[in-house]
């Protein structure tokens, strides 16, 4: 169940990025790398969790908090889901 929730939140983040918010190439690359890590964690749900993933998402929350509140809220939801998965 938590992996499905994480997938839904990741899909929401993808949809938000498809709406082309005003992000620099560096910011987009950072979010795409984060999404790749989240995808990998979903695929490895029953194996050892990547605890650094929460740190990476939290850093993204801090970085995008002021200028991109919608992205930040989605990232916060992802952190909550990761924590509920025990990551």
N, C-alpha and C. Protein backbone atom coordinates (compact mmCIF):
# COMPACT_ATOMS: atom_id res chain seq x y z
N UNK A 1 0.80 -1.20 0.00
CA UNK A 1 0.00 0.00 0.00
C UNK A 1 0.86 1.27 0.00
N UNK A 2 1.85 1.42 0.90
CA UNK A 2 2.65 2.65 0.87
C UNK A 2 3.34 2.88 -0.48
N UNK A 3 3.77 1.81 -1.14
CA UNK A 3 4.43 2.00 -2.44
C UNK A 3 3.44 2.56 -3.45
N UNK A 4 2.19 2.15 -3.38
CA UNK A 4 1.18 2.67 -4.30
C UNK A 4 0.95 4.16 -4.01
N UNK A 5 0.91 4.52 -2.72
CA UNK A 5 0.74 5.93 -2.35
C UNK A 5 1.92 6.76 -2.86
N UNK A 6 3.12 6.21 -2.70
CA UNK A 6 4.31 6.90 -3.17
C UNK A 6 4.24 7.08 -4.68
N UNK A 7 3.80 6.06 -5.40
CA UNK A 7 3.68 6.15 -6.85
C UNK A 7 2.69 7.23 -7.24
N UNK A 8 1.57 7.33 -6.52
CA UNK A 8 0.57 8.35 -6.82
C UNK A 8 1.15 9.76 -6.61
N UNK A 9 1.91 9.94 -5.55
CA UNK A 9 2.50 11.24 -5.27
C UNK A 9 3.59 11.58 -6.30
N UNK A 10 4.32 10.57 -6.70
CA UNK A 10 5.33 10.76 -7.73
C UNK A 10 4.67 11.14 -9.06
N UNK A 11 3.55 10.52 -9.36
CA UNK A 11 2.80 10.87 -10.57
C UNK A 11 2.31 12.32 -10.51
N UNK A 12 1.88 12.75 -9.33
CA UNK A 12 1.45 14.14 -9.15
C UNK A 12 2.61 15.10 -9.41
N UNK A 13 3.78 14.76 -8.90
CA UNK A 13 4.96 15.59 -9.12
C UNK A 13 5.29 15.66 -10.61
N UNK A 14 5.20 14.54 -11.29
CA UNK A 14 5.45 14.52 -12.75
C UNK A 14 4.47 15.42 -13.49
N UNK A 15 3.19 15.33 -13.10
CA UNK A 15 2.17 16.16 -13.74
C UNK A 15 2.46 17.65 -13.52
N UNK A 16 2.89 17.99 -12.32
CA UNK A 16 3.21 19.39 -12.03
C UNK A 16 4.39 19.86 -12.89
N UNK A 17 5.37 19.00 -13.07
CA UNK A 17 6.52 19.38 -13.89
C UNK A 17 6.15 19.51 -15.36
N UNK A 18 5.17 18.72 -15.81
CA UNK A 18 4.72 18.81 -17.20
C UNK A 18 4.03 20.14 -17.49
N UNK A 19 3.57 20.81 -16.44
CA UNK A 19 2.92 22.11 -16.61
C UNK A 19 3.96 23.23 -16.76
N UNK A 20 5.23 22.83 -16.82
CA UNK A 20 6.34 23.75 -17.05
C UNK A 20 6.39 24.93 -16.08
N UNK A 21 6.49 24.63 -14.78
CA UNK A 21 6.68 25.75 -13.84
C UNK A 21 8.03 26.42 -14.13
N UNK A 22 8.18 27.66 -13.73
CA UNK A 22 9.43 28.39 -14.02
C UNK A 22 10.60 27.86 -13.20
N UNK A 23 11.25 26.81 -13.70
CA UNK A 23 12.39 26.20 -13.05
C UNK A 23 13.62 26.32 -13.93
N UNK A 24 14.76 26.45 -13.32
CA UNK A 24 16.00 26.45 -14.09
C UNK A 24 16.30 25.03 -14.54
N UNK A 25 17.21 24.87 -15.49
CA UNK A 25 17.60 23.53 -15.93
C UNK A 25 18.18 22.74 -14.77
N UNK A 26 18.95 23.40 -13.92
CA UNK A 26 19.54 22.73 -12.76
C UNK A 26 18.45 22.22 -11.81
N UNK A 27 17.42 23.03 -11.59
CA UNK A 27 16.32 22.62 -10.71
C UNK A 27 15.56 21.45 -11.32
N UNK A 28 15.30 21.51 -12.62
CA UNK A 28 14.62 20.40 -13.29
C UNK A 28 15.44 19.11 -13.20
N UNK A 29 16.74 19.23 -13.44
CA UNK A 29 17.61 18.05 -13.35
C UNK A 29 17.58 17.46 -11.95
N UNK A 30 17.62 18.32 -10.94
CA UNK A 30 17.59 17.85 -9.56
C UNK A 30 16.30 17.07 -9.28
N UNK A 31 15.17 17.62 -9.73
CA UNK A 31 13.90 16.94 -9.50
C UNK A 31 13.81 15.64 -10.30
N UNK A 32 14.34 15.62 -11.51
CA UNK A 32 14.31 14.39 -12.31
C UNK A 32 15.17 13.31 -11.66
N UNK A 33 16.31 13.67 -11.13
CA UNK A 33 17.16 12.69 -10.43
C UNK A 33 16.45 12.16 -9.19
N UNK A 34 15.79 13.04 -8.48
CA UNK A 34 15.04 12.64 -7.29
C UNK A 34 13.91 11.68 -7.67
N UNK A 35 13.23 11.97 -8.77
CA UNK A 35 12.15 11.10 -9.23
C UNK A 35 12.69 9.73 -9.63
N UNK A 36 13.87 9.69 -10.25
CA UNK A 36 14.48 8.40 -10.60
C UNK A 36 14.78 7.59 -9.34
N UNK A 37 15.26 8.26 -8.29
CA UNK A 37 15.54 7.57 -7.03
C UNK A 37 14.25 7.04 -6.41
N UNK A 38 13.19 7.83 -6.49
CA UNK A 38 11.91 7.39 -5.95
C UNK A 38 11.38 6.20 -6.74
N UNK A 39 11.50 6.25 -8.06
CA UNK A 39 11.10 5.11 -8.89
C UNK A 39 11.85 3.85 -8.49
N UNK A 40 13.15 3.99 -8.28
CA UNK A 40 13.97 2.84 -7.89
C UNK A 40 13.52 2.30 -6.54
N UNK A 41 13.18 3.18 -5.60
CA UNK A 41 12.73 2.73 -4.28
C UNK A 41 11.41 1.99 -4.38
N UNK A 42 10.53 2.45 -5.24
CA UNK A 42 9.24 1.77 -5.42
C UNK A 42 9.48 0.35 -5.93
N UNK A 43 10.38 0.21 -6.88
CA UNK A 43 10.68 -1.12 -7.43
C UNK A 43 11.34 -2.03 -6.40
N UNK A 44 12.05 -1.44 -5.46
CA UNK A 44 12.76 -2.22 -4.44
C UNK A 44 12.04 -2.20 -3.10
N UNK A 45 10.75 -2.01 -3.12
CA UNK A 45 9.97 -1.82 -1.89
C UNK A 45 10.26 -2.88 -0.82
N UNK A 46 10.39 -4.11 -1.22
CA UNK A 46 10.55 -5.18 -0.25
C UNK A 46 12.00 -5.48 0.11
N UNK A 47 12.91 -4.68 -0.39
CA UNK A 47 14.32 -4.86 -0.05
C UNK A 47 14.76 -3.76 0.90
N UNK A 48 16.03 -3.58 1.03
CA UNK A 48 16.57 -2.58 1.95
C UNK A 48 16.21 -1.18 1.48
N UNK A 49 15.59 -0.37 2.34
CA UNK A 49 15.23 0.99 1.94
C UNK A 49 16.44 1.91 1.87
N UNK A 50 16.37 2.87 0.98
CA UNK A 50 17.42 3.87 0.83
C UNK A 50 17.10 5.04 1.75
N UNK A 51 17.72 5.05 2.92
CA UNK A 51 17.41 6.08 3.92
C UNK A 51 17.88 7.47 3.50
N UNK A 52 18.81 7.56 2.59
CA UNK A 52 19.26 8.88 2.13
C UNK A 52 18.21 9.54 1.23
N UNK A 53 17.25 8.78 0.78
CA UNK A 53 16.21 9.30 -0.11
C UNK A 53 15.39 10.39 0.60
N UNK A 54 15.04 10.16 1.86
CA UNK A 54 14.28 11.16 2.61
C UNK A 54 15.09 12.45 2.74
N UNK A 55 16.38 12.31 2.98
CA UNK A 55 17.24 13.49 3.07
C UNK A 55 17.22 14.28 1.76
N UNK A 56 17.30 13.58 0.66
CA UNK A 56 17.28 14.24 -0.65
C UNK A 56 15.98 14.97 -0.92
N UNK A 57 14.87 14.33 -0.54
CA UNK A 57 13.57 14.98 -0.75
C UNK A 57 13.44 16.19 0.18
N UNK A 58 13.90 16.05 1.43
CA UNK A 58 13.86 17.19 2.35
C UNK A 58 14.69 18.36 1.84
N UNK A 59 15.83 18.09 1.25
CA UNK A 59 16.64 19.16 0.67
C UNK A 59 15.89 19.86 -0.47
N UNK A 60 15.18 19.07 -1.27
CA UNK A 60 14.40 19.65 -2.36
C UNK A 60 13.27 20.51 -1.79
N UNK A 61 12.65 20.07 -0.69
CA UNK A 61 11.60 20.86 -0.04
C UNK A 61 12.16 22.22 0.35
N UNK A 62 13.32 22.21 0.99
CA UNK A 62 13.94 23.47 1.41
C UNK A 62 14.27 24.36 0.21
N UNK A 63 14.75 23.75 -0.85
CA UNK A 63 15.18 24.54 -2.01
C UNK A 63 14.00 25.19 -2.74
N UNK A 64 12.90 24.48 -2.86
CA UNK A 64 11.77 24.96 -3.66
C UNK A 64 10.67 25.61 -2.84
N UNK A 65 10.83 25.66 -1.53
CA UNK A 65 9.77 26.11 -0.63
C UNK A 65 9.21 27.48 -0.98
N UNK A 66 10.04 28.46 -1.19
CA UNK A 66 9.58 29.84 -1.37
C UNK A 66 8.99 30.07 -2.77
N UNK A 67 9.69 29.61 -3.79
CA UNK A 67 9.30 29.95 -5.16
C UNK A 67 8.31 28.99 -5.80
N UNK A 68 8.20 27.77 -5.28
CA UNK A 68 7.34 26.77 -5.91
C UNK A 68 6.54 26.01 -4.86
N UNK A 69 5.54 26.68 -4.26
CA UNK A 69 4.79 26.06 -3.16
C UNK A 69 4.04 24.79 -3.54
N UNK A 70 3.54 24.70 -4.76
CA UNK A 70 2.81 23.48 -5.16
C UNK A 70 3.76 22.29 -5.23
N UNK A 71 4.93 22.49 -5.82
CA UNK A 71 5.92 21.41 -5.86
C UNK A 71 6.35 21.03 -4.44
N UNK A 72 6.52 22.04 -3.60
CA UNK A 72 6.96 21.79 -2.23
C UNK A 72 5.95 20.94 -1.48
N UNK A 73 4.67 21.23 -1.66
CA UNK A 73 3.64 20.45 -0.96
C UNK A 73 3.67 19.00 -1.43
N UNK A 74 3.83 18.78 -2.72
CA UNK A 74 3.91 17.41 -3.23
C UNK A 74 5.14 16.71 -2.66
N UNK A 75 6.27 17.41 -2.61
CA UNK A 75 7.48 16.82 -2.04
C UNK A 75 7.30 16.49 -0.57
N UNK A 76 6.61 17.35 0.17
CA UNK A 76 6.32 17.05 1.58
C UNK A 76 5.46 15.80 1.72
N UNK A 77 4.48 15.67 0.83
CA UNK A 77 3.64 14.46 0.85
C UNK A 77 4.49 13.22 0.57
N UNK A 78 5.46 13.35 -0.31
CA UNK A 78 6.35 12.23 -0.61
C UNK A 78 7.16 11.87 0.63
N UNK A 79 7.66 12.87 1.35
CA UNK A 79 8.42 12.60 2.58
C UNK A 79 7.55 11.84 3.57
N UNK A 80 6.31 12.26 3.75
CA UNK A 80 5.41 11.59 4.68
C UNK A 80 5.17 10.14 4.27
N UNK A 81 5.01 9.91 2.98
CA UNK A 81 4.80 8.55 2.50
C UNK A 81 6.05 7.70 2.72
N UNK A 82 7.21 8.26 2.43
CA UNK A 82 8.46 7.52 2.67
C UNK A 82 8.60 7.17 4.16
N UNK A 83 8.26 8.10 5.02
CA UNK A 83 8.35 7.85 6.45
C UNK A 83 7.37 6.76 6.88
N UNK A 84 6.18 6.75 6.29
CA UNK A 84 5.21 5.70 6.62
C UNK A 84 5.67 4.33 6.12
N UNK A 85 6.57 4.35 5.12
CA UNK A 85 7.14 3.10 4.61
C UNK A 85 8.33 2.66 5.47
N UNK A 86 8.70 3.48 6.44
CA UNK A 86 9.82 3.14 7.30
C UNK A 86 11.16 3.55 6.72
N UNK A 87 11.15 4.48 5.80
CA UNK A 87 12.38 4.93 5.15
C UNK A 87 12.80 6.23 5.77
